[in-house]
């Protein structure tokens, strides 16, 4: 799975995929990574998003995939807001928009 770490990854093939892992360090912490696409509401271009969620609660993979599948269009920050509202935890959402890299963080002040 390719994650956005530099401008060269702009050409990554847009797919809906999910990677989940669980790490135990004192408390149980679940990590979920998913790649999905949505259209820009300004010019209808397809944007590939990379989401990472950390949560003490279990998130059903099917629920996460169903949620990102219904995200057809939206502004990056609004998509991030809807994801944190639905799943809680700590989120980082990354994407390139017309050559500009955007990274939003939600819930990082929540103790894990």
C-alpha atoms as a PDB file:
ATOM      1  CA  UNK A   1       0.000   0.000   0.000  1.00  0.00           C
ATOM      2  CA  UNK A   2       1.397   3.419  -0.915  1.00  0.00           C
ATOM      3  CA  UNK A   3       1.012   6.354   1.458  1.00  0.00           C
ATOM      4  CA  UNK A   4       1.591  10.006   0.670  1.00  0.00           C
ATOM      5  CA  UNK A   5       5.056  10.986   1.805  1.00  0.00           C
ATOM      6  CA  UNK A   6       6.159  13.147  -1.079  1.00  0.00           C
ATOM      7  CA  UNK A   7       5.041  14.746  -4.283  1.00  0.00           C
ATOM      8  CA  UNK A   8       5.942  11.649  -6.293  1.00  0.00           C
ATOM      9  CA  UNK A   9       2.988   9.747  -4.839  1.00  0.00           C
ATOM     10  CA  UNK A  10       0.467  11.985  -6.600  1.00  0.00           C
ATOM     11  CA  UNK A  11       0.251   9.342  -9.318  1.00  0.00           C
ATOM     12  CA  UNK A  12      -0.748   6.549  -6.924  1.00  0.00           C
ATOM     13  CA  UNK A  13      -3.641   4.529  -8.315  1.00  0.00           C
ATOM     14  CA  UNK A  14      -6.847   5.571  -6.511  1.00  0.00           C
ATOM     15  CA  UNK A  15      -8.299   2.580  -4.701  1.00  0.00           C
ATOM     16  CA  UNK A  16     -10.400   1.875  -1.672  1.00  0.00           C
ATOM     17  CA  UNK A  17      -8.225  -0.271   0.570  1.00  0.00           C
ATOM     18  CA  UNK A  18      -7.863  -0.854   4.271  1.00  0.00           C
ATOM     19  CA  UNK A  19      -5.045  -1.871   6.541  1.00  0.00           C
ATOM     20  CA  UNK A  20      -5.746  -2.493  10.225  1.00  0.00           C
ATOM     21  CA  UNK A  21      -3.349  -3.285  13.019  1.00  0.00           C
ATOM     22  CA  UNK A  22      -3.449  -3.456  16.777  1.00  0.00           C
ATOM     23  CA  UNK A  23      -0.564  -2.376  19.000  1.00  0.00           C
ATOM     24  CA  UNK A  24      -0.416  -3.001  22.732  1.00  0.00           C
ATOM     25  CA  UNK A  25       1.640  -0.554  24.822  1.00  0.00           C
ATOM     26  CA  UNK A  26       0.075  -0.309  28.244  1.00  0.00           C
ATOM     27  CA  UNK A  27      -3.358   0.387  26.779  1.00  0.00           C
ATOM     28  CA  UNK A  28      -4.910  -1.262  23.776  1.00  0.00           C
ATOM     29  CA  UNK A  29      -4.543   0.943  20.696  1.00  0.00           C
ATOM     30  CA  UNK A  30      -6.046   0.096  17.332  1.00  0.00           C
ATOM     31  CA  UNK A  31      -4.716   1.658  14.141  1.00  0.00           C
ATOM     32  CA  UNK A  32      -6.656   1.757  10.898  1.00  0.00           C
ATOM     33  CA  UNK A  33      -5.349   3.026   7.552  1.00  0.00           C
ATOM     34  CA  UNK A  34      -7.592   3.412   4.548  1.00  0.00           C
ATOM     35  CA  UNK A  35      -7.194   4.930   1.092  1.00  0.00           C
ATOM     36  CA  UNK A  36     -10.253   6.264  -0.712  1.00  0.00           C
ATOM     37  CA  UNK A  37     -11.232   8.752  -3.407  1.00  0.00           C
ATOM     38  CA  UNK A  38     -13.703  11.609  -3.590  1.00  0.00           C
ATOM     39  CA  UNK A  39     -14.383  14.414  -6.052  1.00  0.00           C
ATOM     40  CA  UNK A  40     -13.404  18.037  -5.490  1.00  0.00           C
ATOM     41  CA  UNK A  41     -16.608  20.120  -5.222  1.00  0.00           C
ATOM     42  CA  UNK A  42     -14.955  23.006  -7.095  1.00  0.00           C
ATOM     43  CA  UNK A  43     -13.754  21.312 -10.292  1.00  0.00           C
ATOM     44  CA  UNK A  44     -14.899  17.680  -9.935  1.00  0.00           C
ATOM     45  CA  UNK A  45     -11.331  16.281 -10.042  1.00  0.00           C
ATOM     46  CA  UNK A  46     -10.749  12.954  -8.296  1.00  0.00           C
ATOM     47  CA  UNK A  47      -8.710  13.286  -5.076  1.00  0.00           C
ATOM     48  CA  UNK A  48      -7.046  10.308  -3.375  1.00  0.00           C
ATOM     49  CA  UNK A  49      -7.191  10.487   0.432  1.00  0.00           C
ATOM     50  CA  UNK A  50      -5.094   8.575   2.952  1.00  0.00           C
ATOM     51  CA  UNK A  51      -6.661   8.285   6.395  1.00  0.00           C
ATOM     52  CA  UNK A  52      -5.098   6.995   9.600  1.00  0.00           C
ATOM     53  CA  UNK A  53      -7.242   6.457  12.686  1.00  0.00           C
ATOM     54  CA  UNK A  54      -5.971   5.553  16.159  1.00  0.00           C
ATOM     55  CA  UNK A  55      -8.619   4.421  18.594  1.00  0.00           C
ATOM     56  CA  UNK A  56      -8.910   2.528  21.857  1.00  0.00           C
ATOM     57  CA  UNK A  57     -12.290   1.302  20.610  1.00  0.00           C
ATOM     58  CA  UNK A  58     -12.653  -1.306  17.898  1.00  0.00           C
ATOM     59  CA  UNK A  59     -13.858   0.060  14.566  1.00  0.00           C
ATOM     60  CA  UNK A  60     -15.491  -2.491  12.318  1.00  0.00           C
ATOM     61  CA  UNK A  61     -13.668  -2.575   9.000  1.00  0.00           C
ATOM     62  CA  UNK A  62     -16.986  -2.954   7.192  1.00  0.00           C
ATOM     63  CA  UNK A  63     -18.324   0.215   8.852  1.00  0.00           C
ATOM     64  CA  UNK A  64     -15.238   2.214   7.920  1.00  0.00           C
ATOM     65  CA  UNK A  65     -15.255   1.013   4.315  1.00  0.00           C
ATOM     66  CA  UNK A  66     -18.983   1.699   3.971  1.00  0.00           C
ATOM     67  CA  UNK A  67     -18.505   5.220   5.327  1.00  0.00           C
ATOM     68  CA  UNK A  68     -15.650   6.191   3.003  1.00  0.00           C
ATOM     69  CA  UNK A  69     -17.477   4.618   0.060  1.00  0.00           C
ATOM     70  CA  UNK A  70     -20.372   7.051   0.526  1.00  0.00           C
ATOM     71  CA  UNK A  71     -17.976  10.054   0.564  1.00  0.00           C
ATOM     72  CA  UNK A  72     -18.393  11.011  -3.084  1.00  0.00           C
ATOM     73  CA  UNK A  73     -17.524  14.705  -2.926  1.00  0.00           C
ATOM     74  CA  UNK A  74     -16.434  17.285  -0.389  1.00  0.00           C
ATOM     75  CA  UNK A  75     -13.833  19.666   0.905  1.00  0.00           C
ATOM     76  CA  UNK A  76     -10.918  17.970   2.648  1.00  0.00           C
ATOM     77  CA  UNK A  77     -11.557  19.610   6.033  1.00  0.00           C
ATOM     78  CA  UNK A  78     -15.279  18.797   5.952  1.00  0.00           C
ATOM     79  CA  UNK A  79     -14.540  15.152   5.149  1.00  0.00           C
ATOM     80  CA  UNK A  80     -12.147  15.078   8.121  1.00  0.00           C
ATOM     81  CA  UNK A  81     -14.851  16.581  10.369  1.00  0.00           C
ATOM     82  CA  UNK A  82     -17.411  13.954   9.323  1.00  0.00           C
ATOM     83  CA  UNK A  83     -14.933  11.102   9.903  1.00  0.00           C
ATOM     84  CA  UNK A  84     -14.008  12.204  13.436  1.00  0.00           C
ATOM     85  CA  UNK A  85     -17.672  12.728  14.281  1.00  0.00           C
ATOM     86  CA  UNK A  86     -18.536   9.207  13.123  1.00  0.00           C
ATOM     87  CA  UNK A  87     -15.554   7.223  14.461  1.00  0.00           C
ATOM     88  CA  UNK A  88     -13.920   9.287  17.228  1.00  0.00           C
ATOM     89  CA  UNK A  89     -10.311   8.609  18.205  1.00  0.00           C
ATOM     90  CA  UNK A  90      -7.396  10.391  16.566  1.00  0.00           C
ATOM     91  CA  UNK A  91      -7.324  11.017  12.817  1.00  0.00           C
ATOM     92  CA  UNK A  92      -4.856  12.233  10.249  1.00  0.00           C
ATOM     93  CA  UNK A  93      -6.240  12.760   6.728  1.00  0.00           C
ATOM     94  CA  UNK A  94      -3.753  13.437   3.907  1.00  0.00           C
ATOM     95  CA  UNK A  95      -4.164  14.291   0.237  1.00  0.00           C
ATOM     96  CA  UNK A  96      -2.827  16.392  -2.625  1.00  0.00           C
ATOM     97  CA  UNK A  97      -5.267  18.947  -3.997  1.00  0.00           C
ATOM     98  CA  UNK A  98      -4.119  20.479  -7.269  1.00  0.00           C
ATOM     99  CA  UNK A  99      -0.460  20.196  -6.232  1.00  0.00           C
ATOM    100  CA  UNK A 100      -1.008  21.374  -2.639  1.00  0.00           C
ATOM    101  CA  UNK A 101      -0.476  18.787   0.114  1.00  0.00           C
ATOM    102  CA  UNK A 102      -3.112  19.036   2.856  1.00  0.00           C
ATOM    103  CA  UNK A 103      -2.905  17.187   6.158  1.00  0.00           C
ATOM    104  CA  UNK A 104      -5.706  17.575   8.686  1.00  0.00           C
ATOM    105  CA  UNK A 105      -5.513  16.328  12.246  1.00  0.00           C
ATOM    106  CA  UNK A 106      -8.580  15.693  14.357  1.00  0.00           C
ATOM    107  CA  UNK A 107      -8.860  14.470  17.949  1.00  0.00           C
ATOM    108  CA  UNK A 108      -5.138  14.544  18.659  1.00  0.00           C
ATOM    109  CA  UNK A 109      -5.814  16.232  21.987  1.00  0.00           C
ATOM    110  CA  UNK A 110      -7.815  13.150  23.047  1.00  0.00           C
ATOM    111  CA  UNK A 111      -5.680  11.055  25.445  1.00  0.00           C
ATOM    112  CA  UNK A 112      -5.020   7.531  24.173  1.00  0.00           C
END
